[in-house]
Amino acid sequence: MLRHEIRPGRAVAGLVMLTLAGGYAADAAGTWNAPWTFYAPVLLGGLWLAATVTWVNYRVRRRRTATRSSAENTAEPGPSGAG
């Protein structure tokens, strides 16, 4: 199986959507009478949380890549123009 990068923001967004779907299903089945005002904050808050997690993940990966590339470029430069 090929390896792929982990995207935690998408995982958070998926969990939020599953929560909303569960709420709608419970409301439709009559086991839970949720007001419509419940869904808007959950949706908007979940999307905000997913965006924040994505941004943090981007910053961590960018910093890690910059640190790794600077560690690889620590060798002294060879003679230039000597010839």
PDB file of N, CA and C in Angstrom:
ATOM      1  N   MET A   1       0.842  -1.174   0.000  1.00  0.00           N
ATOM      2  CA  MET A   1       0.000   0.000   0.000  1.00  0.00           C
ATOM      3  C   MET A   1       0.887   1.237   0.000  1.00  0.00           C
ATOM      4  N   LEU A   2       0.548   2.199  -0.834  1.00  0.00           N
ATOM      5  CA  LEU A   2       1.324   3.420  -0.907  1.00  0.00           C
ATOM      6  C   LEU A   2       1.063   4.296   0.318  1.00  0.00           C
ATOM      7  N   ARG A   3       2.117   4.949   0.770  1.00  0.00           N
ATOM      8  CA  ARG A   3       1.971   5.860   1.894  1.00  0.00           C
ATOM      9  C   ARG A   3       1.455   7.198   1.389  1.00  0.00           C
ATOM     10  N   HIS A   4       0.686   7.843   2.203  1.00  0.00           N
ATOM     11  CA  HIS A   4       0.168   9.157   1.852  1.00  0.00           C
ATOM     12  C   HIS A   4       0.241  10.047   3.089  1.00  0.00           C
ATOM     13  N   GLU A   5       0.177  11.339   2.849  1.00  0.00           N
ATOM     14  CA  GLU A   5       0.265  12.253   3.968  1.00  0.00           C
ATOM     15  C   GLU A   5      -1.051  12.289   4.734  1.00  0.00           C
ATOM     16  N   ILE A   6      -0.935  12.489   6.017  1.00  0.00           N
ATOM     17  CA  ILE A   6      -2.106  12.547   6.878  1.00  0.00           C
ATOM     18  C   ILE A   6      -2.647  13.974   6.867  1.00  0.00           C
ATOM     19  N   ARG A   7      -3.940  14.107   6.736  1.00  0.00           N
ATOM     20  CA  ARG A   7      -4.580  15.420   6.723  1.00  0.00           C
ATOM     21  C   ARG A   7      -5.587  15.492   7.872  1.00  0.00           C
ATOM     22  N   PRO A   8      -5.121  15.966   9.025  1.00  0.00           N
ATOM     23  CA  PRO A   8      -6.008  15.969  10.198  1.00  0.00           C
ATOM     24  C   PRO A   8      -7.189  16.932  10.065  1.00  0.00           C
ATOM     25  N   GLY A   9      -7.052  17.985   9.288  1.00  0.00           N
ATOM     26  CA  GLY A   9      -8.171  18.911   9.094  1.00  0.00           C
ATOM     27  C   GLY A   9      -9.344  18.232   8.416  1.00  0.00           C
ATOM     28  N   ARG A  10      -9.042  17.397   7.454  1.00  0.00           N
ATOM     29  CA  ARG A  10     -10.118  16.652   6.775  1.00  0.00           C
ATOM     30  C   ARG A  10     -10.767  15.643   7.721  1.00  0.00           C
ATOM     31  N   ALA A  11      -9.973  15.068   8.609  1.00  0.00           N
ATOM     32  CA  ALA A  11     -10.527  14.130   9.584  1.00  0.00           C
ATOM     33  C   ALA A  11     -11.482  14.846  10.534  1.00  0.00           C
ATOM     34  N   VAL A  12     -11.095  16.038  10.985  1.00  0.00           N
ATOM     35  CA  VAL A  12     -11.970  16.813  11.871  1.00  0.00           C
ATOM     36  C   VAL A  12     -13.253  17.200  11.134  1.00  0.00           C
ATOM     37  N   ALA A  13     -13.130  17.650   9.898  1.00  0.00           N
ATOM     38  CA  ALA A  13     -14.313  18.014   9.120  1.00  0.00           C
ATOM     39  C   ALA A  13     -15.225  16.800   8.930  1.00  0.00           C
ATOM     40  N   GLY A  14     -14.648  15.651   8.683  1.00  0.00           N
ATOM     41  CA  GLY A  14     -15.445  14.433   8.533  1.00  0.00           C
ATOM     42  C   GLY A  14     -16.180  14.061   9.807  1.00  0.00           C
ATOM     43  N   LEU A  15     -15.510  14.206  10.951  1.00  0.00           N
ATOM     44  CA  LEU A  15     -16.178  13.910  12.227  1.00  0.00           C
ATOM     45  C   LEU A  15     -17.315  14.893  12.506  1.00  0.00           C
ATOM     46  N   VAL A  16     -17.119  16.136  12.142  1.00  0.00           N
ATOM     47  CA  VAL A  16     -18.188  17.128  12.312  1.00  0.00           C
ATOM     48  C   VAL A  16     -19.376  16.765  11.435  1.00  0.00           C
ATOM     49  N   MET A  17     -19.114  16.383  10.198  1.00  0.00           N
ATOM     50  CA  MET A  17     -20.213  16.025   9.298  1.00  0.00           C
ATOM     51  C   MET A  17     -20.933  14.765   9.782  1.00  0.00           C
ATOM     52  N   LEU A  18     -20.184  13.812  10.324  1.00  0.00           N
ATOM     53  CA  LEU A  18     -20.826  12.617  10.882  1.00  0.00           C
ATOM     54  C   LEU A  18     -21.691  12.971  12.084  1.00  0.00           C
ATOM     55  N   THR A  19     -21.227  13.911  12.893  1.00  0.00           N
ATOM     56  CA  THR A  19     -22.022  14.358  14.039  1.00  0.00           C
ATOM     57  C   THR A  19     -23.318  15.012  13.570  1.00  0.00           C
ATOM     58  N   LEU A  20     -23.214  15.865  12.553  1.00  0.00           N
ATOM     59  CA  LEU A  20     -24.415  16.505  12.015  1.00  0.00           C
ATOM     60  C   LEU A  20     -25.369  15.478  11.405  1.00  0.00           C
ATOM     61  N   ALA A  21     -24.809  14.520  10.685  1.00  0.00           N
ATOM     62  CA  ALA A  21     -25.652  13.484  10.082  1.00  0.00           C
ATOM     63  C   ALA A  21     -26.346  12.653  11.159  1.00  0.00           C
ATOM     64  N   GLY A  22     -25.633  12.351  12.233  1.00  0.00           N
ATOM     65  CA  GLY A  22     -26.251  11.624  13.344  1.00  0.00           C
ATOM     66  C   GLY A  22     -27.366  12.426  13.996  1.00  0.00           C
ATOM     67  N   GLY A  23     -27.141  13.739  14.133  1.00  0.00           N
ATOM     68  CA  GLY A  23     -28.187  14.595  14.698  1.00  0.00           C
ATOM     69  C   GLY A  23     -29.418  14.647  13.819  1.00  0.00           C
ATOM     70  N   TYR A  24     -29.195  14.788  12.513  1.00  0.00           N
ATOM     71  CA  TYR A  24     -30.333  14.791  11.576  1.00  0.00           C
ATOM     72  C   TYR A  24     -31.059  13.445  11.591  1.00  0.00           C
ATOM     73  N   ALA A  25     -30.324  12.356  11.639  1.00  0.00           N
ATOM     74  CA  ALA A  25     -30.944  11.028  11.648  1.00  0.00           C
ATOM     75  C   ALA A  25     -31.753  10.821  12.921  1.00  0.00           C
ATOM     76  N   ALA A  26     -31.198  11.247  14.052  1.00  0.00           N
ATOM     77  CA  ALA A  26     -31.931  11.094  15.310  1.00  0.00           C
ATOM     78  C   ALA A  26     -33.181  11.976  15.324  1.00  0.00           C
ATOM     79  N   ASP A  27     -33.069  13.154  14.756  1.00  0.00           N
ATOM     80  CA  ASP A  27     -34.227  14.048  14.684  1.00  0.00           C
ATOM     81  C   ASP A  27     -35.292  13.482  13.743  1.00  0.00           C
ATOM     82  N   ALA A  28     -34.863  12.930  12.628  1.00  0.00           N
ATOM     83  CA  ALA A  28     -35.809  12.348  11.668  1.00  0.00           C
ATOM     84  C   ALA A  28     -36.489  11.111  12.231  1.00  0.00           C
ATOM     85  N   ALA A  29     -35.757  10.336  13.038  1.00  0.00           N
ATOM     86  CA  ALA A  29     -36.339   9.127  13.616  1.00  0.00           C
ATOM     87  C   ALA A  29     -37.261   9.444  14.785  1.00  0.00           C
ATOM     88  N   GLY A  30     -37.175  10.673  15.294  1.00  0.00           N
ATOM     89  CA  GLY A  30     -38.048  11.047  16.405  1.00  0.00           C
ATOM     90  C   GLY A  30     -37.476  10.728  17.766  1.00  0.00           C
ATOM     91  N   THR A  31     -36.242  10.254  17.822  1.00  0.00           N
ATOM     92  CA  THR A  31     -35.636   9.931  19.118  1.00  0.00           C
ATOM     93  C   THR A  31     -35.026  11.155  19.790  1.00  0.00           C
ATOM     94  N   TRP A  32     -34.832  12.205  19.031  1.00  0.00           N
ATOM     95  CA  TRP A  32     -34.232  13.416  19.578  1.00  0.00           C
ATOM     96  C   TRP A  32     -34.827  14.607  18.855  1.00  0.00           C
ATOM     97  N   ASN A  33     -35.328  15.543  19.599  1.00  0.00           N
ATOM     98  CA  ASN A  33     -35.932  16.718  18.995  1.00  0.00           C
ATOM     99  C   ASN A  33     -34.966  17.884  19.148  1.00  0.00           C
ATOM    100  N   ALA A  34     -34.075  18.031  18.183  1.00  0.00           N
ATOM    101  CA  ALA A  34     -33.064  19.085  18.232  1.00  0.00           C
ATOM    102  C   ALA A  34     -33.600  20.344  17.562  1.00  0.00           C
ATOM    103  N   PRO A  35     -33.379  21.495  18.190  1.00  0.00           N
ATOM    104  CA  PRO A  35     -33.786  22.739  17.528  1.00  0.00           C
ATOM    105  C   PRO A  35     -32.857  23.031  16.358  1.00  0.00           C
ATOM    106  N   TRP A  36     -33.346  23.797  15.404  1.00  0.00           N
ATOM    107  CA  TRP A  36     -32.531  24.095  14.222  1.00  0.00           C
ATOM    108  C   TRP A  36     -31.307  24.912  14.598  1.00  0.00           C
ATOM    109  N   THR A  37     -31.373  25.619  15.725  1.00  0.00           N
ATOM    110  CA  THR A  37     -30.226  26.432  16.139  1.00  0.00           C
ATOM    111  C   THR A  37     -29.055  25.583  16.619  1.00  0.00           C
ATOM    112  N   PHE A  38     -29.255  24.313  16.801  1.00  0.00           N
ATOM    113  CA  PHE A  38     -28.164  23.424  17.203  1.00  0.00           C
ATOM    114  C   PHE A  38     -27.202  23.169  16.043  1.00  0.00           C
ATOM    115  N   TYR A  39     -27.733  23.069  14.852  1.00  0.00           N
ATOM    116  CA  TYR A  39     -26.927  22.645  13.716  1.00  0.00           C
ATOM    117  C   TYR A  39     -25.990  23.734  13.194  1.00  0.00           C
ATOM    118  N   ALA A  40     -26.425  24.966  13.185  1.00  0.00           N
ATOM    119  CA  ALA A  40     -25.595  26.053  12.653  1.00  0.00           C
ATOM    120  C   ALA A  40     -24.298  26.241  13.451  1.00  0.00           C
ATOM    121  N   PRO A  41     -24.337  26.329  14.790  1.00  0.00           N
ATOM    122  CA  PRO A  41     -23.077  26.477  15.523  1.00  0.00           C
ATOM    123  C   PRO A  41     -22.168  25.253  15.408  1.00  0.00           C
ATOM    124  N   VAL A  42     -22.757  24.082  15.365  1.00  0.00           N
ATOM    125  CA  VAL A  42     -21.930  22.875  15.219  1.00  0.00           C
ATOM    126  C   VAL A  42     -21.238  22.878  13.865  1.00  0.00           C
ATOM    127  N   LEU A  43     -21.968  23.231  12.817  1.00  0.00           N
ATOM    128  CA  LEU A  43     -21.379  23.277  11.477  1.00  0.00           C
ATOM    129  C   LEU A  43     -20.293  24.343  11.389  1.00  0.00           C
ATOM    130  N   LEU A  44     -20.615  25.560  11.787  1.00  0.00           N
ATOM    131  CA  LEU A  44     -19.643  26.647  11.674  1.00  0.00           C
ATOM    132  C   LEU A  44     -18.452  26.449  12.614  1.00  0.00           C
ATOM    133  N   GLY A  45     -18.709  26.009  13.826  1.00  0.00           N
ATOM    134  CA  GLY A  45     -17.623  25.745  14.765  1.00  0.00           C
ATOM    135  C   GLY A  45     -16.733  24.597  14.297  1.00  0.00           C
ATOM    136  N   GLY A  46     -17.347  23.581  13.742  1.00  0.00           N
ATOM    137  CA  GLY A  46     -16.574  22.448  13.230  1.00  0.00           C
ATOM    138  C   GLY A  46     -15.716  22.810  12.038  1.00  0.00           C
ATOM    139  N   LEU A  47     -16.277  23.608  11.135  1.00  0.00           N
ATOM    140  CA  LEU A  47     -15.492  24.056   9.984  1.00  0.00           C
ATOM    141  C   LEU A  47     -14.353  24.980  10.420  1.00  0.00           C
ATOM    142  N   TRP A  48     -14.615  25.837  11.402  1.00  0.00           N
ATOM    143  CA  TRP A  48     -13.555  26.702  11.933  1.00  0.00           C
ATOM    144  C   TRP A  48     -12.457  25.855  12.578  1.00  0.00           C
ATOM    145  N   LEU A  49     -12.846  24.833  13.355  1.00  0.00           N
ATOM    146  CA  LEU A  49     -11.861  23.956  13.984  1.00  0.00           C
ATOM    147  C   LEU A  49     -11.056  23.198  12.938  1.00  0.00           C
ATOM    148  N   ALA A  50     -11.717  22.709  11.891  1.00  0.00           N
ATOM    149  CA  ALA A  50     -11.006  21.999  10.819  1.00  0.00           C
ATOM    150  C   ALA A  50     -10.026  22.926  10.111  1.00  0.00           C
ATOM    151  N   ALA A  51     -10.422  24.165   9.868  1.00  0.00           N
ATOM    152  CA  ALA A  51      -9.518  25.121   9.224  1.00  0.00           C
ATOM    153  C   ALA A  51      -8.324  25.429  10.122  1.00  0.00           C
ATOM    154  N   THR A  52      -8.564  25.556  11.412  1.00  0.00           N
ATOM    155  CA  THR A  52      -7.470  25.818  12.353  1.00  0.00           C
ATOM    156  C   THR A  52      -6.504  24.645  12.405  1.00  0.00           C
ATOM    157  N   VAL A  53      -7.026  23.442  12.449  1.00  0.00           N
ATOM    158  CA  VAL A  53      -6.172  22.252  12.472  1.00  0.00           C
ATOM    159  C   VAL A  53      -5.368  22.156  11.179  1.00  0.00           C
ATOM    160  N   THR A  54      -5.985  22.467  10.053  1.00  0.00           N
ATOM    161  CA  THR A  54      -5.277  22.451   8.774  1.00  0.00           C
ATOM    162  C   THR A  54      -4.163  23.484   8.758  1.00  0.00           C
ATOM    163  N   TRP A  55      -4.425  24.674   9.257  1.00  0.00           N
ATOM    164  CA  TRP A  55      -3.418  25.733   9.287  1.00  0.00           C
ATOM    165  C   TRP A  55      -2.245  25.341  10.183  1.00  0.00           C
ATOM    166  N   VAL A  56      -2.536  24.788  11.367  1.00  0.00           N
ATOM    167  CA  VAL A  56      -1.467  24.355  12.274  1.00  0.00           C
ATOM    168  C   VAL A  56      -0.651  23.242  11.630  1.00  0.00           C
ATOM    169  N   ASN A  57      -1.310  22.304  10.990  1.00  0.00           N
ATOM    170  CA  ASN A  57      -0.609  21.221  10.310  1.00  0.00           C
ATOM    171  C   ASN A  57       0.303  21.769   9.210  1.00  0.00           C
ATOM    172  N   TYR A  58      -0.176  22.747   8.451  1.00  0.00           N
ATOM    173  CA  TYR A  58       0.628  23.373   7.394  1.00  0.00           C
ATOM    174  C   TYR A  58       1.863  24.038   7.984  1.00  0.00           C
ATOM    175  N   ARG A  59       1.684  24.788   9.066  1.00  0.00           N
ATOM    176  CA  ARG A  59       2.813  25.488   9.680  1.00  0.00           C
ATOM    177  C   ARG A  59       3.845  24.503  10.228  1.00  0.00           C
ATOM    178  N   VAL A  60       3.395  23.419  10.842  1.00  0.00           N
ATOM    179  CA  VAL A  60       4.318  22.420  11.391  1.00  0.00           C
ATOM    180  C   VAL A  60       5.091  21.750  10.269  1.00  0.00           C
ATOM    181  N   ARG A  61       4.410  21.366   9.211  1.00  0.00           N
ATOM    182  CA  ARG A  61       5.097  20.726   8.088  1.00  0.00           C
ATOM    183  C   ARG A  61       6.076  21.678   7.418  1.00  0.00           C
ATOM    184  N   ARG A  62       5.700  22.942   7.269  1.00  0.00           N
ATOM    185  CA  ARG A  62       6.587  23.914   6.638  1.00  0.00           C
ATOM    186  C   ARG A  62       7.838  24.133   7.487  1.00  0.00           C
ATOM    187  N   ARG A  63       7.662  24.222   8.784  1.00  0.00           N
ATOM    188  CA  ARG A  63       8.816  24.409   9.669  1.00  0.00           C
ATOM    189  C   ARG A  63       9.713  23.184   9.654  1.00  0.00           C
ATOM    190  N   ARG A  64       9.100  22.000   9.676  1.00  0.00           N
ATOM    191  CA  ARG A  64       9.884  20.766   9.667  1.00  0.00           C
ATOM    192  C   ARG A  64      10.682  20.646   8.368  1.00  0.00           C
ATOM    193  N   THR A  65      10.061  21.002   7.239  1.00  0.00           N
ATOM    194  CA  THR A  65      10.753  20.953   5.955  1.00  0.00           C
ATOM    195  C   THR A  65      11.903  21.952   5.913  1.00  0.00           C
ATOM    196  N   ALA A  66      11.683  23.152   6.440  1.00  0.00           N
ATOM    197  CA  ALA A  66      12.738  24.166   6.452  1.00  0.00           C
ATOM    198  C   ALA A  66      13.905  23.731   7.340  1.00  0.00           C
ATOM    199  N   THR A  67      13.614  23.123   8.475  1.00  0.00           N
ATOM    200  CA  THR A  67      14.665  22.647   9.366  1.00  0.00           C
ATOM    201  C   THR A  67      15.445  21.521   8.717  1.00  0.00           C
ATOM    202  N   ARG A  68      14.741  20.619   8.064  1.00  0.00           N
ATOM    203  CA  ARG A  68      15.398  19.495   7.422  1.00  0.00           C
ATOM    204  C   ARG A  68      16.286  19.960   6.263  1.00  0.00           C
ATOM    205  N   SER A  69      15.790  20.894   5.463  1.00  0.00           N
ATOM    206  CA  SER A  69      16.579  21.354   4.322  1.00  0.00           C
ATOM    207  C   SER A  69      17.778  22.172   4.781  1.00  0.00           C
ATOM    208  N   SER A  70      17.665  22.918   5.886  1.00  0.00           N
ATOM    209  CA  SER A  70      18.820  23.671   6.360  1.00  0.00           C
ATOM    210  C   SER A  70      19.860  22.730   6.970  1.00  0.00           C
ATOM    211  N   ALA A  71      19.428  21.606   7.535  1.00  0.00           N
ATOM    212  CA  ALA A  71      20.376  20.636   8.079  1.00  0.00           C
ATOM    213  C   ALA A  71      21.126  19.932   6.956  1.00  0.00           C
ATOM    214  N   GLU A  72      20.488  19.763   5.810  1.00  0.00           N
ATOM    215  CA  GLU A  72      21.144  19.112   4.681  1.00  0.00           C
ATOM    216  C   GLU A  72      22.153  20.034   4.010  1.00  0.00           C
ATOM    217  N   ASN A  73      22.008  21.328   4.139  1.00  0.00           N
ATOM    218  CA  ASN A  73      22.880  22.290   3.472  1.00  0.00           C
ATOM    219  C   ASN A  73      23.950  22.850   4.399  1.00  0.00           C
ATOM    220  N   THR A  74      24.421  22.056   5.345  1.00  0.00           N
ATOM    221  CA  THR A  74      25.434  22.546   6.280  1.00  0.00           C
ATOM    222  C   THR A  74      26.842  22.229   5.822  1.00  0.00           C
ATOM    223  N   ALA A  75      27.005  21.506   4.742  1.00  0.00           N
ATOM    224  CA  ALA A  75      28.344  21.166   4.256  1.00  0.00           C
ATOM    225  C   ALA A  75      29.032  22.422   3.711  1.00  0.00           C
ATOM    226  N   GLU A  76      30.337  22.438   3.844  1.00  0.00           N
ATOM    227  CA  GLU A  76      31.084  23.578   3.328  1.00  0.00           C
ATOM    228  C   GLU A  76      31.077  23.548   1.801  1.00  0.00           C
ATOM    229  N   PRO A  77      30.998  24.706   1.204  1.00  0.00           N
ATOM    230  CA  PRO A  77      31.000  24.737  -0.268  1.00  0.00           C
ATOM    231  C   PRO A  77      32.379  24.353  -0.801  1.00  0.00           C
ATOM    232  N   GLY A  78      32.354  23.732  -1.943  1.00  0.00           N
ATOM    233  CA  GLY A  78      33.610  23.309  -2.575  1.00  0.00           C
ATOM    234  C   GLY A  78      34.314  24.505  -3.213  1.00  0.00           C
ATOM    235  N   PRO A  79      35.492  24.272  -3.756  1.00  0.00           N
ATOM    236  CA  PRO A  79      36.218  25.369  -4.391  1.00  0.00           C
ATOM    237  C   PRO A  79      35.448  25.874  -5.600  1.00  0.00           C
ATOM    238  N   SER A  80      35.309  27.170  -5.671  1.00  0.00           N
ATOM    239  CA  SER A  80      34.570  27.741  -6.791  1.00  0.00           C
ATOM    240  C   SER A  80      35.505  28.544  -7.665  1.00  0.00           C
ATOM    241  N   GLY A  81      35.470  28.274  -8.917  1.00  0.00           N
ATOM    242  CA  GLY A  81      36.246  29.030  -9.881  1.00  0.00           C
ATOM    243  C   GLY A  81      37.741  28.731  -9.878  1.00  0.00           C
ATOM    244  N   ALA A  82      38.169  27.767  -9.084  1.00  0.00           N
ATOM    245  CA  ALA A  82      39.608  27.436  -9.070  1.00  0.00           C
ATOM    246  C   ALA A  82      39.888  26.547 -10.265  1.00  0.00           C
ATOM    247  N   GLY A  83      40.795  26.955 -11.052  1.00  0.00           N
ATOM    248  CA  GLY A  83      40.969  26.071 -12.158  1.00  0.00           C
ATOM    249  C   GLY A  83      41.983  26.413 -13.073  1.00  0.00           C
TER     250      GLY A  83
END
